[in-house]
Amino acid sequence: MQERRFACASDELEPGTSMTVPGDPPVAVFRNEAGDFFATADTCTHEDWSLGTDSDLDDEEVTCPLHMARFDIRTGKPLCFPATVALATFEVEVAADGRVYVVV
């Protein structure tokens, strides 16, 4: 059963930034430089580290600062070692009123 989880108001997440939406599972929400929203599992698949709270976002690539693993936020695909397992990705909905939701 899918859950529609409120993340933030669209103007609360600036382009080029990310955040963590708590819950089970925690979800990282990213906003690229173009202003588009994406969501993945919050925890790096290489090591337990929050990507929404403590990572570096460069357009569509997120880097985990712990061991420099990089992922594509659109697909979850790992882009370099040490990561070899993709992140789960989630649908993001932006409502007419600007509220951002993640479908988990």
N, C-alpha and C. Protein backbone atom coordinates (compact mmCIF):
# COMPACT_ATOMS: atom_id res chain seq x y z
N MET A 1 0.84 -1.18 0.00
CA MET A 1 0.00 0.00 0.00
C MET A 1 0.89 1.25 0.00
N GLN A 2 0.63 2.16 -0.90
CA GLN A 2 1.44 3.37 -1.00
C GLN A 2 0.91 4.47 -0.10
N GLU A 3 1.85 5.27 0.36
CA GLU A 3 1.55 6.39 1.24
C GLU A 3 1.98 7.68 0.54
N ARG A 4 1.15 8.69 0.61
CA ARG A 4 1.47 10.01 0.08
C ARG A 4 1.93 10.86 1.26
N ARG A 5 3.24 11.12 1.32
CA ARG A 5 3.84 11.77 2.48
C ARG A 5 4.19 13.23 2.15
N PHE A 6 3.72 14.16 2.98
CA PHE A 6 4.05 15.58 2.79
C PHE A 6 5.54 15.78 3.04
N ALA A 7 6.20 16.50 2.12
CA ALA A 7 7.63 16.80 2.27
C ALA A 7 7.85 18.24 2.69
N CYS A 8 7.33 19.19 1.90
CA CYS A 8 7.57 20.60 2.17
C CYS A 8 6.72 21.43 1.21
N ALA A 9 6.72 22.72 1.41
CA ALA A 9 6.18 23.64 0.41
C ALA A 9 7.28 23.84 -0.62
N SER A 10 6.92 23.98 -1.88
CA SER A 10 7.93 24.05 -2.94
C SER A 10 8.90 25.20 -2.74
N ASP A 11 8.45 26.31 -2.18
CA ASP A 11 9.36 27.45 -1.99
C ASP A 11 10.27 27.29 -0.77
N GLU A 12 10.10 26.22 0.00
CA GLU A 12 10.96 25.96 1.17
C GLU A 12 12.24 25.22 0.80
N LEU A 13 12.28 24.62 -0.39
CA LEU A 13 13.46 23.87 -0.83
C LEU A 13 14.04 24.57 -2.05
N GLU A 14 15.14 25.26 -1.85
CA GLU A 14 15.78 26.03 -2.92
C GLU A 14 16.39 25.10 -3.95
N PRO A 15 16.47 25.52 -5.22
CA PRO A 15 17.19 24.72 -6.23
C PRO A 15 18.62 24.44 -5.77
N GLY A 16 19.07 23.21 -6.02
CA GLY A 16 20.41 22.81 -5.64
C GLY A 16 20.54 22.34 -4.20
N THR A 17 19.40 22.09 -3.54
CA THR A 17 19.43 21.65 -2.15
C THR A 17 18.62 20.36 -1.97
N SER A 18 18.72 19.81 -0.77
CA SER A 18 18.01 18.57 -0.45
C SER A 18 17.55 18.60 1.00
N MET A 19 16.70 17.64 1.33
CA MET A 19 16.19 17.51 2.69
C MET A 19 15.80 16.06 2.93
N THR A 20 15.65 15.71 4.19
CA THR A 20 15.19 14.37 4.56
C THR A 20 13.76 14.46 5.06
N VAL A 21 12.92 13.57 4.55
CA VAL A 21 11.54 13.44 5.03
C VAL A 21 11.52 12.22 5.93
N PRO A 22 11.26 12.42 7.22
CA PRO A 22 11.28 11.28 8.14
C PRO A 22 10.14 10.31 7.86
N GLY A 23 10.29 9.12 8.35
CA GLY A 23 9.27 8.09 8.20
C GLY A 23 9.93 6.75 7.95
N ASP A 24 9.14 5.78 7.62
CA ASP A 24 9.65 4.44 7.35
C ASP A 24 9.28 4.07 5.92
N PRO A 25 10.19 4.18 5.00
CA PRO A 25 11.61 4.54 5.14
C PRO A 25 11.79 6.05 5.07
N PRO A 26 12.92 6.55 5.60
CA PRO A 26 13.23 7.97 5.40
C PRO A 26 13.53 8.21 3.92
N VAL A 27 13.14 9.37 3.43
CA VAL A 27 13.27 9.70 2.00
C VAL A 27 14.06 10.99 1.85
N ALA A 28 14.98 11.01 0.89
CA ALA A 28 15.70 12.24 0.54
C ALA A 28 14.96 12.90 -0.61
N VAL A 29 14.66 14.18 -0.47
CA VAL A 29 14.03 14.95 -1.54
C VAL A 29 15.07 15.96 -2.03
N PHE A 30 15.25 15.97 -3.34
CA PHE A 30 16.24 16.84 -3.98
C PHE A 30 15.53 17.80 -4.92
N ARG A 31 16.08 19.00 -5.05
CA ARG A 31 15.59 19.95 -6.05
C ARG A 31 16.79 20.37 -6.89
N ASN A 32 16.78 19.99 -8.17
CA ASN A 32 17.93 20.31 -9.01
C ASN A 32 17.93 21.78 -9.38
N GLU A 33 18.95 22.21 -10.10
CA GLU A 33 19.11 23.62 -10.46
C GLU A 33 17.97 24.13 -11.34
N ALA A 34 17.34 23.24 -12.10
CA ALA A 34 16.20 23.63 -12.94
C ALA A 34 14.91 23.78 -12.14
N GLY A 35 14.95 23.36 -10.86
CA GLY A 35 13.77 23.49 -10.00
C GLY A 35 12.91 22.24 -9.94
N ASP A 36 13.36 21.15 -10.58
CA ASP A 36 12.60 19.89 -10.56
C ASP A 36 12.88 19.12 -9.28
N PHE A 37 11.87 18.41 -8.79
CA PHE A 37 11.98 17.63 -7.56
C PHE A 37 12.18 16.15 -7.87
N PHE A 38 13.03 15.49 -7.06
CA PHE A 38 13.27 14.06 -7.17
C PHE A 38 13.36 13.51 -5.76
N ALA A 39 13.09 12.20 -5.63
CA ALA A 39 13.15 11.57 -4.31
C ALA A 39 13.79 10.20 -4.41
N THR A 40 14.67 9.90 -3.46
CA THR A 40 15.30 8.58 -3.36
C THR A 40 15.29 8.15 -1.90
N ALA A 41 15.70 6.91 -1.69
CA ALA A 41 15.94 6.47 -0.32
C ALA A 41 16.95 7.43 0.29
N ASP A 42 16.79 7.74 1.55
CA ASP A 42 17.67 8.71 2.21
C ASP A 42 19.04 8.13 2.54
N THR A 43 19.12 6.83 2.74
CA THR A 43 20.35 6.20 3.21
C THR A 43 21.21 5.72 2.05
N CYS A 44 22.47 6.15 2.04
CA CYS A 44 23.44 5.70 1.03
C CYS A 44 23.50 4.18 1.06
N THR A 45 23.51 3.54 -0.11
CA THR A 45 23.54 2.08 -0.17
C THR A 45 24.92 1.51 0.13
N HIS A 46 25.93 2.34 0.14
CA HIS A 46 27.27 1.86 0.47
C HIS A 46 27.50 1.85 1.98
N GLU A 47 27.02 2.87 2.64
CA GLU A 47 27.24 3.02 4.08
C GLU A 47 26.03 3.78 4.63
N ASP A 48 25.67 3.54 5.86
CA ASP A 48 24.51 4.22 6.45
C ASP A 48 24.82 5.70 6.66
N TRP A 49 24.36 6.52 5.73
CA TRP A 49 24.59 7.97 5.80
C TRP A 49 23.41 8.66 5.14
N SER A 50 22.93 9.73 5.73
CA SER A 50 21.77 10.46 5.19
C SER A 50 22.18 11.30 3.99
N LEU A 51 21.52 11.05 2.86
CA LEU A 51 21.79 11.82 1.65
C LEU A 51 20.97 13.11 1.61
N GLY A 52 19.82 13.12 2.25
CA GLY A 52 18.99 14.31 2.24
C GLY A 52 19.51 15.39 3.17
N THR A 53 20.12 14.97 4.28
CA THR A 53 20.59 15.90 5.29
C THR A 53 22.04 16.31 5.07
N ASP A 54 22.87 15.36 4.67
CA ASP A 54 24.31 15.62 4.61
C ASP A 54 24.91 15.04 3.33
N SER A 55 24.73 15.75 2.22
CA SER A 55 25.30 15.31 0.95
C SER A 55 25.57 16.54 0.10
N ASP A 56 26.22 16.31 -1.03
CA ASP A 56 26.49 17.39 -1.97
C ASP A 56 25.69 17.12 -3.24
N LEU A 57 24.88 18.08 -3.64
CA LEU A 57 24.04 17.94 -4.83
C LEU A 57 24.62 18.80 -5.94
N ASP A 58 24.86 18.18 -7.08
CA ASP A 58 25.35 18.87 -8.26
C ASP A 58 24.41 18.53 -9.41
N ASP A 59 23.39 19.34 -9.58
CA ASP A 59 22.32 19.16 -10.56
C ASP A 59 21.61 17.82 -10.37
N GLU A 60 21.92 16.79 -11.15
CA GLU A 60 21.24 15.50 -10.99
C GLU A 60 22.11 14.44 -10.32
N GLU A 61 23.24 14.85 -9.73
CA GLU A 61 24.12 13.90 -9.04
C GLU A 61 24.23 14.28 -7.57
N VAL A 62 24.08 13.27 -6.72
CA VAL A 62 24.27 13.49 -5.29
C VAL A 62 25.50 12.69 -4.86
N THR A 63 26.33 13.30 -4.04
CA THR A 63 27.54 12.66 -3.54
C THR A 63 27.44 12.49 -2.03
N CYS A 64 27.63 11.27 -1.59
CA CYS A 64 27.68 11.00 -0.16
C CYS A 64 29.07 11.40 0.34
N PRO A 65 29.16 12.29 1.32
CA PRO A 65 30.47 12.77 1.76
C PRO A 65 31.28 11.75 2.55
N LEU A 66 30.65 10.66 2.96
CA LEU A 66 31.36 9.68 3.78
C LEU A 66 32.49 9.00 3.00
N HIS A 67 32.17 8.48 1.79
CA HIS A 67 33.18 7.80 0.97
C HIS A 67 33.11 8.24 -0.49
N MET A 68 32.42 9.34 -0.76
CA MET A 68 32.34 9.93 -2.10
C MET A 68 31.56 9.10 -3.12
N ALA A 69 30.66 8.24 -2.68
CA ALA A 69 29.79 7.51 -3.60
C ALA A 69 28.84 8.52 -4.25
N ARG A 70 28.62 8.37 -5.56
CA ARG A 70 27.73 9.29 -6.30
C ARG A 70 26.57 8.50 -6.90
N PHE A 71 25.40 9.17 -6.94
CA PHE A 71 24.19 8.57 -7.47
C PHE A 71 23.47 9.57 -8.37
N ASP A 72 22.74 9.04 -9.36
CA ASP A 72 21.86 9.85 -10.19
C ASP A 72 20.53 9.96 -9.45
N ILE A 73 20.10 11.18 -9.12
CA ILE A 73 18.87 11.34 -8.33
C ILE A 73 17.62 11.03 -9.15
N ARG A 74 17.73 10.99 -10.48
CA ARG A 74 16.57 10.67 -11.33
C ARG A 74 16.29 9.18 -11.35
N THR A 75 17.35 8.36 -11.29
CA THR A 75 17.19 6.91 -11.44
C THR A 75 17.64 6.13 -10.21
N GLY A 76 18.42 6.76 -9.33
CA GLY A 76 19.00 6.07 -8.18
C GLY A 76 20.27 5.31 -8.51
N LYS A 77 20.64 5.26 -9.78
CA LYS A 77 21.79 4.47 -10.25
C LYS A 77 23.09 4.98 -9.62
N PRO A 78 23.93 4.04 -9.12
CA PRO A 78 25.24 4.45 -8.63
C PRO A 78 26.13 4.85 -9.81
N LEU A 79 26.91 5.92 -9.63
CA LEU A 79 27.72 6.44 -10.72
C LEU A 79 29.21 6.15 -10.54
N CYS A 80 29.60 5.69 -9.36
CA CYS A 80 31.01 5.35 -9.13
C CYS A 80 31.13 4.47 -7.89
N PHE A 81 32.29 3.83 -7.77
CA PHE A 81 32.58 3.08 -6.56
C PHE A 81 32.83 4.06 -5.43
N PRO A 82 32.54 3.72 -4.21
CA PRO A 82 32.31 2.38 -3.72
C PRO A 82 30.86 1.91 -3.82
N ALA A 83 29.95 2.75 -4.28
CA ALA A 83 28.55 2.32 -4.38
C ALA A 83 28.36 1.40 -5.58
N THR A 84 27.65 0.31 -5.36
CA THR A 84 27.33 -0.62 -6.44
C THR A 84 25.84 -0.95 -6.49
N VAL A 85 25.10 -0.54 -5.48
CA VAL A 85 23.66 -0.82 -5.39
C VAL A 85 22.89 0.49 -5.57
N ALA A 86 21.88 0.46 -6.42
CA ALA A 86 21.07 1.66 -6.69
C ALA A 86 20.23 2.04 -5.48
N LEU A 87 19.93 3.33 -5.40
CA LEU A 87 18.98 3.83 -4.40
C LEU A 87 17.57 3.59 -4.90
N ALA A 88 16.65 3.29 -4.01
CA ALA A 88 15.24 3.25 -4.38
C ALA A 88 14.82 4.66 -4.75
N THR A 89 13.96 4.79 -5.74
CA THR A 89 13.44 6.11 -6.13
C THR A 89 11.94 6.14 -5.87
N PHE A 90 11.42 7.35 -5.67
CA PHE A 90 10.01 7.52 -5.36
C PHE A 90 9.42 8.63 -6.21
N GLU A 91 8.15 8.51 -6.49
CA GLU A 91 7.43 9.53 -7.24
C GLU A 91 7.26 10.78 -6.38
N VAL A 92 7.41 11.94 -7.01
CA VAL A 92 7.19 13.22 -6.33
C VAL A 92 6.02 13.91 -7.01
N GLU A 93 5.10 14.41 -6.21
CA GLU A 93 3.95 15.17 -6.72
C GLU A 93 3.99 16.58 -6.15
N VAL A 94 3.84 17.57 -7.03
CA VAL A 94 3.74 18.96 -6.58
C VAL A 94 2.30 19.39 -6.83
N ALA A 95 1.57 19.66 -5.76
CA ALA A 95 0.17 20.03 -5.85
C ALA A 95 0.03 21.46 -6.38
N ALA A 96 -1.16 21.80 -6.82
CA ALA A 96 -1.43 23.13 -7.36
C ALA A 96 -1.13 24.23 -6.35
N ASP A 97 -1.25 23.91 -5.06
CA ASP A 97 -0.97 24.91 -4.02
C ASP A 97 0.51 24.98 -3.66
N GLY A 98 1.36 24.21 -4.37
CA GLY A 98 2.80 24.24 -4.13
C GLY A 98 3.30 23.29 -3.08
N ARG A 99 2.42 22.47 -2.52
CA ARG A 99 2.86 21.49 -1.53
C ARG A 99 3.49 20.30 -2.26
N VAL A 100 4.63 19.85 -1.74
CA VAL A 100 5.38 18.74 -2.34
C VAL A 100 5.14 17.47 -1.54
N TYR A 101 4.77 16.40 -2.25
CA TYR A 101 4.50 15.11 -1.64
C TYR A 101 5.40 14.04 -2.27
N VAL A 102 5.74 13.04 -1.47
CA VAL A 102 6.48 11.87 -1.96
C VAL A 102 5.55 10.68 -1.81
N VAL A 103 5.47 9.87 -2.86
CA VAL A 103 4.65 8.65 -2.82
C VAL A 103 5.59 7.49 -2.49
N VAL A 104 5.40 6.94 -1.29
CA VAL A 104 6.28 5.89 -0.78
C VAL A 104 5.55 4.56 -0.78
